[in-house]
Amino acid sequence: MRVRVLVNPTAGGGSAARKLPAILREIERAGALPDSAETRAQGDAARLVRAAAADGVDCVAIVGGDGTLNEAAQAFIDAEGHAVPGPALALIPCGTGGDFRRTFGIGDSIEEAVARLVSSPARPIDLGALELIDAHGQKVVRAFINITSFGLAGLTDRIVNSTSKWLGGRASFFVGALRAMAQYRNAAVRVSVDGRPFLEQPVVNVAIANGRFFGGGMRVAPDADPSDGSFEVVAVGDLSTLGNLGLAGHIYKGTHVTQPGVTVTRGREIRAEPLVAGSEVLIDMDGETPGRLPLVARVLPGAVRLRA
């Protein structure tokens, strides 16, 4: 098996680059043939995944956090939001969030991650195609592999990504969420799922989930399955700041979905728009802040193959 190790050298405060020699040795020890490539600028991960496909590489191992994985996922979608084939992916733990790997129970061990890469069959998983409005007011199409959400999470991402994240993943996102709560006012939105009305009201946050975790370990969508051809949609409604704080202990365990004010459904196409013209409702996409509502999210079933 030919494996290209794709490294974001800044991930995990620089630990991704420091881990690279050990990762390459472990892959060789497992009987595969590794080489490596490094991301240096925005968009490099997608370009390097496409280059790996052209080179006949069997698997691209992503060494970085959810942001690096999201960039790599852009290689599997075209400008119109259609799926594009590519090499299998694998996840080597590093970075601030690491939320997508939690859905598959991948821990912090390089040895475990490499063992899964070599021994696990490449399983098809779904990809999200997302239409949204970017920071320049233009409609764009992006891929997401874990979770897209809007409302409080979008503001939280903006705050967290403006810091050094020196506290680590879980603590950085928790502190960022507390700061965001102090600023955020529940956004009035209209959401439909598969053409049917879902909600029309102010919300704290709405998550469109392919994976189960976001925000450094929050189990926001406990029943999401990245291979079932649908999203789990979790809406936290018009709660007060105090009510939202009351959910904090539940959301890390996934028990918030049974609490008052939280609504859950499933679907393949989600549309959302602000009810107040000109209001800015920020989007969180795999831990990044790509833009604002309105959005359309569609499932691309089995668009990515994952060794995990």
Protein backbone atom coordinates (compact mmCIF):
# COMPACT_ATOMS: atom_id res chain seq x y z
CA MET A 1 0.00 0.00 0.00
CA ARG A 2 1.30 3.45 -0.95
CA VAL A 3 0.55 6.00 1.78
CA ARG A 4 1.10 9.73 1.48
CA VAL A 5 1.28 11.44 4.87
CA LEU A 6 -0.20 14.92 4.61
CA VAL A 7 1.03 17.19 7.40
CA ASN A 8 -0.15 20.58 8.57
CA PRO A 9 3.07 21.71 10.31
CA THR A 10 1.24 24.25 12.48
CA ALA A 11 -1.36 21.79 13.79
CA GLY A 12 -1.25 21.04 17.49
CA GLY A 13 1.09 23.96 18.13
CA GLY A 14 3.70 22.46 15.80
CA SER A 15 3.48 18.92 17.19
CA ALA A 16 2.29 17.55 13.82
CA ALA A 17 5.64 18.34 12.20
CA ARG A 18 7.54 16.92 15.17
CA LYS A 19 5.58 13.67 14.98
CA LEU A 20 6.20 13.11 11.26
CA PRO A 21 9.40 11.01 11.50
CA ALA A 22 7.77 8.67 14.03
CA ILE A 23 4.66 8.37 11.85
CA LEU A 24 6.68 7.47 8.76
CA ARG A 25 8.66 4.85 10.72
CA GLU A 26 5.48 3.31 12.12
CA ILE A 27 3.89 3.07 8.64
CA GLU A 28 7.03 1.38 7.28
CA ARG A 29 7.02 -1.00 10.25
CA ALA A 30 3.42 -1.91 9.42
CA GLY A 31 4.45 -2.93 5.90
CA ALA A 32 3.25 0.05 3.84
CA LEU A 33 5.26 2.44 1.65
CA PRO A 34 5.04 6.02 2.96
CA ASP A 35 6.05 9.41 1.66
CA SER A 36 4.99 12.84 2.88
CA ALA A 37 3.77 16.27 1.79
CA GLU A 38 3.34 19.46 3.80
CA THR A 39 0.62 22.10 3.63
CA ARG A 40 2.00 25.64 3.56
CA ALA A 41 -0.99 27.78 2.57
CA GLN A 42 -4.78 27.71 2.53
CA GLY A 43 -6.05 25.28 -0.11
CA ASP A 44 -2.88 23.18 -0.14
CA ALA A 45 -4.50 20.13 1.43
CA ALA A 46 -7.07 19.76 -1.37
CA ARG A 47 -4.41 20.31 -4.02
CA LEU A 48 -2.15 17.70 -2.43
CA VAL A 49 -4.95 15.13 -2.18
CA ARG A 50 -5.68 15.62 -5.89
CA ALA A 51 -1.96 15.24 -6.63
CA ALA A 52 -1.90 12.01 -4.61
CA ALA A 53 -4.79 10.67 -6.71
CA ALA A 54 -2.89 11.53 -9.89
CA ASP A 55 0.21 9.76 -8.51
CA GLY A 56 -1.73 6.56 -7.83
CA VAL A 57 -1.41 6.79 -4.04
CA ASP A 58 -3.71 4.33 -2.25
CA CYS A 59 -4.29 6.30 0.96
CA VAL A 60 -3.68 9.83 2.22
CA ALA A 61 -3.09 10.01 5.98
CA ILE A 62 -4.13 13.39 7.40
CA VAL A 63 -1.91 14.62 10.25
CA GLY A 64 -3.71 17.63 11.69
CA GLY A 65 -6.99 18.73 13.19
CA ASP A 66 -10.49 19.06 11.79
CA GLY A 67 -9.48 22.16 9.82
CA THR A 68 -6.85 20.23 7.85
CA LEU A 69 -9.31 17.39 7.28
CA ASN A 70 -11.91 19.87 6.01
CA GLU A 71 -9.42 21.33 3.55
CA ALA A 72 -8.57 17.83 2.31
CA ALA A 73 -12.29 17.11 1.86
CA GLN A 74 -12.52 19.91 -0.72
CA ALA A 75 -10.71 17.56 -3.13
CA PHE A 76 -13.82 15.33 -3.23
CA ILE A 77 -16.26 17.97 -4.51
CA ASP A 78 -16.46 20.11 -7.64
CA ALA A 79 -17.62 23.72 -8.03
CA GLU A 80 -21.25 22.61 -8.54
CA GLY A 81 -21.31 20.43 -5.42
CA HIS A 82 -20.96 17.03 -7.12
CA ALA A 83 -18.79 14.24 -5.73
CA VAL A 84 -15.30 13.72 -7.18
CA PRO A 85 -13.43 10.39 -6.66
CA GLY A 86 -10.10 10.32 -4.85
CA PRO A 87 -7.81 8.18 -2.70
CA ALA A 88 -8.86 6.71 0.63
CA LEU A 89 -8.24 8.87 3.70
CA ALA A 90 -6.93 7.98 7.14
CA LEU A 91 -6.70 10.07 10.32
CA ILE A 92 -3.54 10.49 12.40
CA PRO A 93 -4.41 12.35 15.64
CA CYS A 94 -3.09 15.89 15.98
CA GLY A 95 -4.59 19.39 16.14
CA THR A 96 -6.89 21.43 18.36
CA GLY A 97 -10.23 19.72 17.81
CA GLY A 98 -9.94 16.18 16.48
CA ASP A 99 -13.71 15.83 16.69
CA PHE A 100 -14.34 13.76 13.57
CA ARG A 101 -12.04 10.94 14.69
CA ARG A 102 -13.99 10.67 17.96
CA THR A 103 -16.98 9.35 15.99
CA PHE A 104 -14.82 6.36 15.02
CA GLY A 105 -13.27 5.92 18.47
CA ILE A 106 -9.76 6.80 17.29
CA GLY A 107 -7.62 7.75 20.29
CA ASP A 108 -4.40 9.75 20.59
CA SER A 109 -1.99 6.92 19.77
CA ILE A 110 0.00 7.02 16.52
CA GLU A 111 0.44 3.25 16.70
CA GLU A 112 -3.32 2.69 16.91
CA ALA A 113 -4.04 5.09 14.05
CA VAL A 114 -1.45 3.44 11.79
CA ALA A 115 -2.73 -0.04 12.65
CA ARG A 116 -6.22 1.02 11.58
CA LEU A 117 -4.84 2.61 8.39
CA VAL A 118 -3.12 -0.61 7.35
CA SER A 119 -5.60 -3.23 8.53
CA SER A 120 -9.03 -1.61 8.16
CA PRO A 121 -10.88 -1.84 4.84
CA ALA A 122 -11.63 1.45 3.12
CA ARG A 123 -15.24 2.10 4.16
CA PRO A 124 -17.45 4.57 2.26
CA ILE A 125 -18.60 7.56 4.29
CA ASP A 126 -20.82 10.50 3.38
CA LEU A 127 -19.73 14.03 2.56
CA GLY A 128 -21.74 17.23 2.90
CA ALA A 129 -22.04 19.72 0.02
CA LEU A 130 -22.73 23.19 1.39
CA GLU A 131 -23.90 26.30 -0.46
CA LEU A 132 -23.48 29.50 1.56
CA ILE A 133 -22.64 33.19 1.41
CA ASP A 134 -18.96 33.92 2.05
CA ALA A 135 -17.35 36.94 3.72
CA HIS A 136 -17.39 38.84 0.41
CA GLY A 137 -21.12 38.31 -0.12
CA GLN A 138 -20.61 35.70 -2.85
CA LYS A 139 -22.40 32.35 -3.09
CA VAL A 140 -19.86 29.52 -2.78
CA VAL A 141 -19.93 25.72 -2.55
CA ARG A 142 -17.83 23.95 0.07
CA ALA A 143 -17.53 20.39 1.36
CA PHE A 144 -17.85 19.42 5.01
CA ILE A 145 -17.08 16.03 6.46
CA ASN A 146 -18.07 16.40 10.11
CA ILE A 147 -20.62 19.07 11.10
CA THR A 148 -21.98 22.34 9.80
CA SER A 149 -23.93 24.48 12.24
CA PHE A 150 -25.10 28.04 12.55
CA GLY A 151 -25.86 30.45 15.35
CA LEU A 152 -23.81 30.37 18.53
CA ALA A 153 -21.29 27.88 17.09
CA GLY A 154 -20.42 30.21 14.22
CA LEU A 155 -19.62 33.05 16.63
CA THR A 156 -17.70 30.64 18.88
CA ASP A 157 -15.50 29.58 15.95
CA ARG A 158 -14.77 33.19 15.06
CA ILE A 159 -13.64 33.82 18.64
CA VAL A 160 -11.65 30.57 19.03
CA ASN A 161 -9.89 30.91 15.67
CA SER A 162 -8.75 34.43 16.58
CA THR A 163 -6.77 33.02 19.55
CA SER A 164 -3.66 30.85 19.83
CA LYS A 165 -5.69 27.88 21.25
CA TRP A 166 -2.90 27.36 23.78
CA LEU A 167 -5.40 25.87 26.23
CA GLY A 168 -5.90 22.87 23.96
CA GLY A 169 -8.99 21.73 22.08
CA ARG A 170 -11.68 21.16 24.69
CA ALA A 171 -10.74 24.06 26.96
CA SER A 172 -10.28 26.51 24.06
CA PHE A 173 -13.71 25.76 22.65
CA PHE A 174 -15.37 25.81 26.07
CA VAL A 175 -13.90 29.24 26.91
CA GLY A 176 -14.76 30.45 23.41
CA ALA A 177 -18.36 29.29 23.84
CA LEU A 178 -18.67 31.17 27.15
CA ARG A 179 -17.35 34.35 25.52
CA ALA A 180 -19.72 33.87 22.59
CA MET A 181 -22.73 33.40 24.90
CA ALA A 182 -22.03 36.81 26.42
CA GLN A 183 -22.31 38.43 22.96
CA TYR A 184 -24.79 36.26 21.08
CA ARG A 185 -28.47 37.06 20.62
CA ASN A 186 -30.70 34.19 19.47
CA ALA A 187 -31.02 34.38 15.69
CA ALA A 188 -34.46 34.13 14.06
CA VAL A 189 -34.22 31.57 11.25
CA ARG A 190 -36.36 29.43 8.95
CA VAL A 191 -35.21 25.84 8.40
CA SER A 192 -36.64 23.14 6.14
CA VAL A 193 -35.59 19.48 5.93
CA ASP A 194 -36.19 17.54 2.70
CA GLY A 195 -38.66 20.20 1.59
CA ARG A 196 -40.71 20.12 4.81
CA PRO A 197 -40.80 22.96 7.38
CA PHE A 198 -38.72 22.11 10.44
CA LEU A 199 -38.63 25.32 12.46
CA GLU A 200 -39.24 29.05 12.14
CA GLN A 201 -38.12 30.80 15.32
CA PRO A 202 -35.12 32.26 17.18
CA VAL A 203 -32.48 29.64 17.93
CA VAL A 204 -29.33 29.28 19.96
CA ASN A 205 -27.82 26.90 17.41
CA VAL A 206 -28.71 24.39 14.69
CA ALA A 207 -26.28 21.55 13.86
CA ILE A 208 -26.33 19.64 10.57
CA ALA A 209 -24.35 16.59 11.57
CA ASN A 210 -22.53 13.92 9.60
CA GLY A 211 -20.29 13.10 12.60
CA ARG A 212 -21.24 13.13 16.27
CA PHE A 213 -18.84 15.57 17.97
CA PHE A 214 -17.88 19.21 17.62
CA GLY A 215 -16.37 21.99 19.74
CA GLY A 216 -13.58 19.91 21.27
CA GLY A 217 -15.64 16.91 22.40
CA MET A 218 -19.25 18.09 22.62
CA ARG A 219 -21.46 15.12 21.64
CA VAL A 220 -23.89 17.32 19.76
CA ALA A 221 -25.40 14.62 17.53
CA PRO A 222 -25.14 11.33 19.47
CA ASP A 223 -26.95 9.22 16.86
CA ALA A 224 -25.30 10.59 13.72
CA ASP A 225 -23.87 7.95 11.37
CA PRO A 226 -21.45 9.16 8.67
CA SER A 227 -22.36 6.23 6.42
CA ASP A 228 -26.19 6.24 6.49
CA GLY A 229 -26.84 8.74 3.69
CA SER A 230 -28.50 11.37 5.90
CA PHE A 231 -27.73 14.16 8.36
CA GLU A 232 -28.83 14.32 11.97
CA VAL A 233 -30.22 17.82 12.56
CA VAL A 234 -30.12 19.08 16.16
CA ALA A 235 -31.72 22.44 16.97
CA VAL A 236 -31.36 24.24 20.30
CA GLY A 237 -34.31 26.63 20.31
CA ASP A 238 -35.05 30.00 21.87
CA LEU A 239 -33.38 29.38 25.24
CA SER A 240 -32.11 32.05 27.59
CA THR A 241 -28.40 32.26 28.40
CA LEU A 242 -29.14 30.54 31.71
CA GLY A 243 -31.09 27.80 29.95
CA ASN A 244 -28.29 27.31 27.46
CA LEU A 245 -25.73 27.06 30.25
CA GLY A 246 -27.93 24.38 31.78
CA LEU A 247 -27.36 22.24 28.69
CA ALA A 248 -23.58 22.44 28.98
CA GLY A 249 -23.27 19.39 31.22
CA HIS A 250 -25.61 17.41 28.97
CA ILE A 251 -24.03 18.20 25.61
CA TYR A 252 -20.69 16.54 26.43
CA LYS A 253 -22.62 13.35 27.25
CA GLY A 254 -25.14 13.64 24.39
CA THR A 255 -28.12 13.71 26.75
CA HIS A 256 -29.14 17.25 25.73
CA VAL A 257 -31.29 15.82 22.91
CA THR A 258 -33.91 14.76 25.47
CA GLN A 259 -34.05 18.16 27.18
CA PRO A 260 -36.79 20.80 26.69
CA GLY A 261 -36.03 23.23 23.89
CA VAL A 262 -33.98 20.75 21.83
CA THR A 263 -35.46 19.28 18.63
CA VAL A 264 -33.94 16.51 16.50
CA THR A 265 -34.74 15.25 13.01
CA ARG A 266 -32.99 13.59 10.06
CA GLY A 267 -32.75 14.47 6.38
CA ARG A 268 -30.73 14.60 3.17
CA GLU A 269 -31.21 18.26 2.24
CA ILE A 270 -31.39 21.15 4.70
CA ARG A 271 -32.17 24.76 3.81
CA ALA A 272 -31.85 27.66 6.24
CA GLU A 273 -32.26 31.41 5.99
CA PRO A 274 -32.49 34.35 8.42
CA LEU A 275 -35.97 35.68 9.09
CA VAL A 276 -34.65 39.21 9.52
CA ALA A 277 -33.29 40.66 6.27
CA GLY A 278 -29.66 41.70 6.54
CA SER A 279 -28.98 39.85 9.80
CA GLU A 280 -25.66 38.01 10.02
CA VAL A 281 -26.06 34.40 11.16
CA LEU A 282 -22.56 32.89 11.14
CA ILE A 283 -21.82 29.34 10.03
CA ASP A 284 -19.46 26.85 11.67
CA MET A 285 -18.11 24.24 9.22
CA ASP A 286 -15.77 21.63 10.71
CA GLY A 287 -14.43 24.23 13.13
CA GLU A 288 -13.99 26.96 10.52
CA THR A 289 -16.10 30.07 9.83
CA PRO A 290 -16.70 30.11 6.04
CA GLY A 291 -19.56 32.63 5.94
CA ARG A 292 -23.21 33.12 6.81
CA LEU A 293 -26.79 32.15 6.01
CA PRO A 294 -28.62 31.41 3.78
CA LEU A 295 -27.35 27.87 3.25
CA VAL A 296 -28.28 24.65 1.52
CA ALA A 297 -26.66 21.42 2.78
CA ARG A 298 -26.93 18.18 0.78
CA VAL A 299 -25.61 14.68 1.52
CA LEU A 300 -23.23 13.08 -0.97
CA PRO A 301 -23.58 9.40 0.04
CA GLY A 302 -20.36 7.39 0.16
CA ALA A 303 -18.31 10.16 -1.49
CA VAL A 304 -15.20 9.48 0.63
CA ARG A 305 -13.50 6.22 1.59
CA LEU A 306 -12.03 6.15 5.09
CA ARG A 307 -9.58 3.69 6.65
CA ALA A 308 -10.56 3.84 10.34
